[in-house]
């Protein structure tokens, strides 16, 4: 009985799997044929191409613009998927009936989403 109580308590306390395992930020690298092009998220510059950029997961739904003088600007949305750790919450609910708080927590702080670690963005330079 005591062992079961410890297991259930642990599941309740640590059920925010995506927050625990993948965090609230993700590092992304925009790989490009053009060194030092500006990477903008909505209207804010977040970094340059070919360098690691840390992005808050709560901002990942915005528009990405990659630009450099003399080159055509590329616009895109980040390819978003569900972080595998988020499924731990679902399994916890299905198997043990706990984990609802983890689901709500991960949804609230956007830990349930992720994007590719490397995103290729080649710019056409010389044609504006």
Protein backbone atom coordinates (compact mmCIF):
# COMPACT_ATOMS: atom_id res chain seq x y z
CA UNK A 1 0.00 0.00 0.00
CA UNK A 2 2.80 2.41 0.94
CA UNK A 3 4.59 1.64 -2.34
CA UNK A 4 1.45 2.42 -4.36
CA UNK A 5 1.01 5.71 -2.51
CA UNK A 6 4.60 6.71 -3.33
CA UNK A 7 4.12 5.85 -7.02
CA UNK A 8 0.85 7.80 -7.30
CA UNK A 9 2.31 10.79 -5.44
CA UNK A 10 5.36 10.78 -7.74
CA UNK A 11 3.16 10.65 -10.82
CA UNK A 12 1.12 13.60 -9.60
CA UNK A 13 4.16 15.70 -8.73
CA UNK A 14 6.22 14.93 -11.84
CA UNK A 15 3.47 14.70 -14.44
CA UNK A 16 4.51 17.83 -16.38
CA UNK A 17 6.76 15.70 -18.55
CA UNK A 18 7.35 18.19 -21.38
CA UNK A 19 8.26 21.01 -18.99
CA UNK A 20 10.68 18.78 -17.09
CA UNK A 21 12.33 17.15 -20.13
CA UNK A 22 12.20 19.77 -22.89
CA UNK A 23 11.92 23.11 -21.09
CA UNK A 24 10.37 26.43 -22.05
CA UNK A 25 13.02 27.34 -24.67
CA UNK A 26 14.58 25.60 -27.63
CA UNK A 27 17.81 26.28 -29.47
CA UNK A 28 17.42 26.47 -33.25
CA UNK A 29 20.02 27.02 -35.95
CA UNK A 30 18.95 28.68 -39.21
CA UNK A 31 21.44 27.18 -41.65
CA UNK A 32 21.95 29.36 -44.72
CA UNK A 33 24.14 29.89 -47.76
CA UNK A 34 24.28 33.54 -46.65
CA UNK A 35 26.42 34.19 -43.57
CA UNK A 36 25.13 36.72 -41.04
CA UNK A 37 21.63 37.27 -42.42
CA UNK A 38 19.18 38.66 -39.85
CA UNK A 39 16.66 36.25 -38.37
CA UNK A 40 13.50 38.03 -37.20
CA UNK A 41 10.61 36.59 -35.20
CA UNK A 42 7.63 38.78 -36.02
CA UNK A 43 9.25 42.23 -35.73
CA UNK A 44 12.12 41.38 -33.33
CA UNK A 45 15.59 40.31 -34.43
CA UNK A 46 16.42 37.12 -32.54
CA UNK A 47 19.80 36.35 -34.12
CA UNK A 48 21.69 35.67 -37.32
CA UNK A 49 21.96 32.72 -39.68
CA UNK A 50 24.46 29.95 -39.01
CA UNK A 51 24.44 30.65 -35.26
CA UNK A 52 22.47 28.94 -32.48
CA UNK A 53 19.40 30.96 -31.43
CA UNK A 54 17.41 30.34 -28.24
CA UNK A 55 13.67 30.82 -28.81
CA UNK A 56 10.94 30.89 -26.15
CA UNK A 57 8.45 28.17 -27.01
CA UNK A 58 5.59 30.58 -26.24
CA UNK A 59 6.75 32.69 -29.23
CA UNK A 60 7.23 29.86 -31.72
CA UNK A 61 3.92 30.47 -33.47
CA UNK A 62 5.13 33.70 -35.07
CA UNK A 63 6.41 34.54 -38.53
CA UNK A 64 10.14 34.08 -39.24
CA UNK A 65 11.86 36.46 -41.67
CA UNK A 66 15.42 35.94 -42.86
CA UNK A 67 16.97 38.90 -44.67
CA UNK A 68 20.22 40.52 -45.73
CA UNK A 69 20.91 43.60 -47.85
CA UNK A 70 21.15 42.64 -51.53
CA UNK A 71 19.20 39.38 -51.01
CA UNK A 72 15.55 38.40 -51.29
CA UNK A 73 13.83 38.12 -47.91
CA UNK A 74 12.42 34.70 -47.02
CA UNK A 75 9.37 34.33 -44.76
CA UNK A 76 8.17 31.15 -43.14
CA UNK A 77 6.42 29.70 -40.16
CA UNK A 78 8.37 27.33 -37.96
CA UNK A 79 7.45 23.67 -38.49
CA UNK A 80 5.93 22.80 -35.10
CA UNK A 81 5.33 19.33 -33.69
CA UNK A 82 4.35 17.94 -30.31
CA UNK A 83 7.31 17.18 -28.05
CA UNK A 84 7.53 13.42 -27.32
CA UNK A 85 7.77 14.10 -23.57
CA UNK A 86 4.25 15.56 -23.65
CA UNK A 87 2.88 12.09 -24.37
CA UNK A 88 4.10 11.07 -20.89
CA UNK A 89 1.22 13.10 -19.49
CA UNK A 90 -1.28 11.27 -21.68
CA UNK A 91 0.12 7.87 -20.71
CA UNK A 92 -0.01 8.89 -17.05
CA UNK A 93 -3.69 9.80 -17.39
CA UNK A 94 -4.59 6.63 -19.27
CA UNK A 95 -2.68 4.20 -17.05
CA UNK A 96 -2.97 5.79 -13.62
CA UNK A 97 -5.74 8.37 -13.85
CA UNK A 98 -3.38 11.22 -12.92
CA UNK A 99 -1.55 13.77 -15.03
CA UNK A 100 -4.28 16.29 -15.80
CA UNK A 101 -2.31 19.01 -14.02
CA UNK A 102 0.73 18.15 -16.16
CA UNK A 103 -1.29 18.46 -19.36
CA UNK A 104 -2.63 21.86 -18.33
CA UNK A 105 0.81 23.03 -17.14
CA UNK A 106 2.57 21.99 -20.36
CA UNK A 107 -0.14 23.58 -22.49
CA UNK A 108 0.02 26.80 -20.48
CA UNK A 109 3.76 27.31 -20.83
CA UNK A 110 4.00 25.87 -24.38
CA UNK A 111 6.46 23.14 -23.37
CA UNK A 112 4.44 20.66 -25.41
CA UNK A 113 5.72 22.03 -28.75
CA UNK A 114 9.07 21.80 -30.49
CA UNK A 115 10.57 22.61 -33.85
CA UNK A 116 13.48 21.30 -35.90
CA UNK A 117 16.93 21.88 -34.41
CA UNK A 118 18.28 22.98 -37.80
CA UNK A 119 16.20 24.83 -40.38
CA UNK A 120 17.64 25.41 -43.86
CA UNK A 121 17.03 28.86 -45.32
CA UNK A 122 18.91 29.68 -48.51
CA UNK A 123 18.63 33.25 -49.73
CA UNK A 124 18.75 34.39 -53.37
CA UNK A 125 21.29 37.19 -53.42
CA UNK A 126 21.71 39.62 -56.29
CA UNK A 127 17.96 39.57 -57.01
CA UNK A 128 15.97 41.86 -54.81
